[in-house]
C-alpha cells in the first residue's frame, strides 16, 4: 500500500471539518480482502514550530512502531513568491518530490515482483503513468481517494476504487483517541 499523506490531509475536509483518519482502523479496513504485505507512507516534515514537529514525529513513530509502516518524509521547501499585482514578496512553503518518490518506490517494488495488487491511497493524477505501468505488468491496482478530489484518468486505470467517504464511519478517529493529538498537525 502506498499512501500520499499530503493528498489525504489536504482533502480531509471533504468528509467533514473535524474528520481525521484513525490509521489503525484504516489499515484493518484495507485488509478485509487480504493481508497488506507492506505499507509505504509518504509525508512532509513540519518546518517551523517545535511543538508541531514533535507531535508530527510522535504520529510517524506510531505508524512505524504500531502498524509497521515504512514512513518516508521530506522537508518542505521554502521559496520566495512575488505578487503579480502589488509586487510584494513573501516566503511560501511547498512540497516537492513526494509524488516522484512514491511512484519510484512503487515501480521499484513492481520490478522486484513484490506485489500482485497495488493499493494507492491518493487521487492525484500525477501517479497516472506509474499506475499504467503496474497495470501493463498484469497487476491489479486499487485506488483509495476522496470522491470530490480524484483524477478521472487515474480512476479509469484501476481495478477497484474505494471512496474515503464510503468508509468514513469505519475509519473515523474518535475525538478522545490518543493518536488524535498526533494527526491534528500533520
Protein backbone atom coordinates (compact mmCIF):
# COMPACT_ATOMS: atom_id res chain seq x y z
CA UNK A 1 0.00 0.00 0.00
CA UNK A 2 1.29 3.47 -0.94
CA UNK A 3 -0.12 6.44 0.99
CA UNK A 4 0.33 10.05 -0.14
CA UNK A 5 -0.35 11.75 3.18
CA UNK A 6 -0.31 15.27 1.75
CA UNK A 7 -3.09 14.37 -0.66
CA UNK A 8 -5.09 12.78 2.13
CA UNK A 9 -4.54 15.65 4.58
CA UNK A 10 -5.50 18.31 2.00
CA UNK A 11 -8.81 16.56 1.36
CA UNK A 12 -9.99 15.55 4.84
CA UNK A 13 -12.42 18.47 4.89
CA UNK A 14 -14.36 16.86 2.02
CA UNK A 15 -15.67 14.39 4.61
CA UNK A 16 -16.12 16.98 7.37
CA UNK A 17 -14.23 19.79 9.08
CA UNK A 18 -13.47 17.59 12.09
CA UNK A 19 -12.78 14.37 10.18
CA UNK A 20 -9.47 12.63 10.89
CA UNK A 21 -8.37 9.12 9.92
CA UNK A 22 -7.59 6.50 12.51
CA UNK A 23 -4.83 4.67 10.64
CA UNK A 24 -5.15 1.53 12.74
CA UNK A 25 -8.81 1.27 11.72
CA UNK A 26 -7.99 2.29 8.15
CA UNK A 27 -5.39 -0.49 7.86
CA UNK A 28 -7.90 -3.02 9.20
CA UNK A 29 -10.48 -1.94 6.60
CA UNK A 30 -7.89 -2.23 3.82
CA UNK A 31 -7.01 -5.76 4.97
CA UNK A 32 -10.59 -7.05 4.85
CA UNK A 33 -9.97 -8.57 1.42
CA UNK A 34 -6.46 -9.83 2.20
CA UNK A 35 -3.31 -9.00 4.08
CA UNK A 36 -1.33 -5.92 3.14
CA UNK A 37 2.24 -7.03 2.53
CA UNK A 38 3.90 -3.68 3.16
CA UNK A 39 2.82 -0.06 3.59
CA UNK A 40 4.78 3.00 2.45
CA UNK A 41 3.61 6.29 3.94
CA UNK A 42 4.95 9.44 2.23
CA UNK A 43 4.72 12.75 4.05
CA UNK A 44 6.34 16.12 4.68
CA UNK A 45 8.02 17.33 7.85
CA UNK A 46 6.90 20.43 9.71
CA UNK A 47 9.36 23.32 9.40
CA UNK A 48 8.56 25.94 11.97
CA UNK A 49 7.03 25.11 15.30
CA UNK A 50 8.90 22.70 17.57
CA UNK A 51 5.61 21.63 19.18
CA UNK A 52 4.07 20.77 15.78
CA UNK A 53 7.20 18.90 14.73
CA UNK A 54 7.20 16.90 17.97
CA UNK A 55 3.54 15.91 17.54
CA UNK A 56 4.18 15.01 13.93
CA UNK A 57 7.17 12.85 14.88
CA UNK A 58 5.04 11.12 17.52
CA UNK A 59 2.46 10.33 14.82
CA UNK A 60 5.09 9.00 12.41
CA UNK A 61 6.60 6.87 15.18
CA UNK A 62 3.14 5.50 15.94
CA UNK A 63 2.79 4.46 12.29
CA UNK A 64 6.24 2.84 12.31
CA UNK A 65 6.02 1.07 15.66
CA UNK A 66 2.34 0.20 15.96
CA UNK A 67 1.45 -0.51 12.34
CA UNK A 68 4.83 -1.39 10.84
CA UNK A 69 4.59 1.31 8.18
CA UNK A 70 7.64 2.44 6.24
CA UNK A 71 7.47 6.20 6.74
CA UNK A 72 9.23 8.35 4.15
CA UNK A 73 9.47 12.07 4.87
CA UNK A 74 10.80 15.10 3.06
CA UNK A 75 11.19 18.61 4.43
CA UNK A 76 9.04 21.32 2.96
CA UNK A 77 10.98 23.69 0.70
CA UNK A 78 10.86 27.44 1.14
CA UNK A 79 10.52 29.67 -1.89
CA UNK A 80 10.01 33.34 -2.41
CA UNK A 81 6.76 34.34 -4.08
CA UNK A 82 6.06 37.71 -5.67
CA UNK A 83 2.56 39.13 -6.07
CA UNK A 84 1.86 39.96 -9.72
CA UNK A 85 -0.44 42.85 -8.73
CA UNK A 86 1.34 44.69 -5.92
CA UNK A 87 4.92 43.41 -6.24
CA UNK A 88 5.05 42.32 -2.59
CA UNK A 89 7.35 39.35 -1.80
CA UNK A 90 6.80 36.68 0.85
CA UNK A 91 8.06 33.20 1.70
CA UNK A 92 5.92 30.18 0.98
CA UNK A 93 6.40 26.51 1.91
CA UNK A 94 5.96 23.99 -0.88
CA UNK A 95 6.09 20.22 -1.08
CA UNK A 96 8.50 18.90 -3.68
CA UNK A 97 9.36 15.33 -4.58
CA UNK A 98 6.77 13.25 -2.73
CA UNK A 99 4.92 12.17 -5.89
CA UNK A 100 8.12 11.18 -7.66
CA UNK A 101 9.42 9.32 -4.61
CA UNK A 102 6.16 7.38 -4.16
CA UNK A 103 5.93 6.50 -7.86
CA UNK A 104 9.59 5.45 -7.89
CA UNK A 105 9.12 3.19 -4.86
CA UNK A 106 6.05 1.67 -6.48
CA UNK A 107 7.93 0.91 -9.71
CA UNK A 108 11.00 -0.45 -7.88
CA UNK A 109 8.79 -2.87 -5.93
CA UNK A 110 6.93 -3.74 -9.14
CA UNK A 111 10.23 -4.63 -10.83
CA UNK A 112 11.02 -6.94 -7.89
CA UNK A 113 7.63 -8.67 -8.25
CA UNK A 114 6.90 -7.60 -4.66
CA UNK A 115 3.11 -7.39 -5.05
CA UNK A 116 0.17 -8.66 -7.07
CA UNK A 117 -2.13 -5.84 -6.00
CA UNK A 118 -1.02 -2.26 -5.51
CA UNK A 119 -3.16 -0.10 -3.24
CA UNK A 120 -2.68 3.62 -3.93
CA UNK A 121 -4.12 6.00 -1.35
CA UNK A 122 -4.31 9.24 -3.32
CA UNK A 123 -6.41 10.66 -6.10
CA UNK A 124 -3.50 12.60 -7.60
CA UNK A 125 -3.30 12.31 -11.39
CA UNK A 126 0.50 12.61 -11.18
CA UNK A 127 0.53 8.86 -10.48
CA UNK A 128 -1.16 8.02 -13.79
CA UNK A 129 1.92 6.77 -15.66
CA UNK A 130 3.14 4.68 -12.71
CA UNK A 131 -0.30 3.10 -12.37
CA UNK A 132 -0.40 2.37 -16.10
CA UNK A 133 2.95 0.59 -15.79
CA UNK A 134 1.68 -1.51 -12.88
CA UNK A 135 -1.36 -2.48 -14.97
CA UNK A 136 0.87 -3.22 -18.00
CA UNK A 137 2.65 -5.79 -15.85
CA UNK A 138 -0.71 -7.55 -15.30
CA UNK A 139 -1.02 -6.39 -11.69
CA UNK A 140 -4.13 -5.08 -10.00
CA UNK A 141 -4.36 -1.51 -8.74
CA UNK A 142 -6.83 -0.42 -6.09
CA UNK A 143 -7.36 3.27 -5.56
CA UNK A 144 -8.49 4.89 -2.30
CA UNK A 145 -9.46 8.51 -2.85
CA UNK A 146 -11.91 11.24 -1.98
CA UNK A 147 -14.98 11.39 -4.21
CA UNK A 148 -14.62 15.15 -4.60
CA UNK A 149 -10.91 15.10 -5.45
CA UNK A 150 -9.53 12.42 -7.72
CA UNK A 151 -8.25 12.13 -11.25
CA UNK A 152 -10.82 10.53 -13.55
CA UNK A 153 -7.99 9.36 -15.83
CA UNK A 154 -6.35 7.64 -12.87
CA UNK A 155 -9.64 6.03 -11.83
CA UNK A 156 -10.08 4.67 -15.36
CA UNK A 157 -6.85 2.67 -14.97
CA UNK A 158 -7.58 0.93 -11.67
CA UNK A 159 -9.29 -2.38 -10.97
CA UNK A 160 -11.14 -1.06 -7.91
CA UNK A 161 -11.85 2.30 -6.33
CA UNK A 162 -12.84 2.93 -2.73
CA UNK A 163 -14.00 6.37 -1.73
CA UNK A 164 -12.96 7.60 1.69
CA UNK A 165 -16.46 8.99 2.18
CA UNK A 166 -17.89 5.46 1.85
CA UNK A 167 -15.67 4.05 4.62
CA UNK A 168 -15.51 7.20 6.76
CA UNK A 169 -17.61 5.75 9.59
CA UNK A 170 -15.27 2.75 9.83
CA UNK A 171 -12.02 4.76 9.81
CA UNK A 172 -13.02 7.91 11.70
CA UNK A 173 -10.73 8.80 14.57
CA UNK A 174 -12.56 9.19 17.84
CA UNK A 175 -12.10 12.59 19.47
CA UNK A 176 -10.74 11.01 22.65
CA UNK A 177 -8.20 8.84 20.82
CA UNK A 178 -4.57 9.22 21.92
CA UNK A 179 -3.48 9.42 18.29
CA UNK A 180 -5.87 12.30 17.62
CA UNK A 181 -3.36 14.69 19.12
CA UNK A 182 -0.76 13.48 16.63
CA UNK A 183 -2.66 13.92 13.41
CA UNK A 184 -4.04 17.39 14.01
CA UNK A 185 -0.76 18.97 12.87
CA UNK A 186 0.25 16.53 10.16
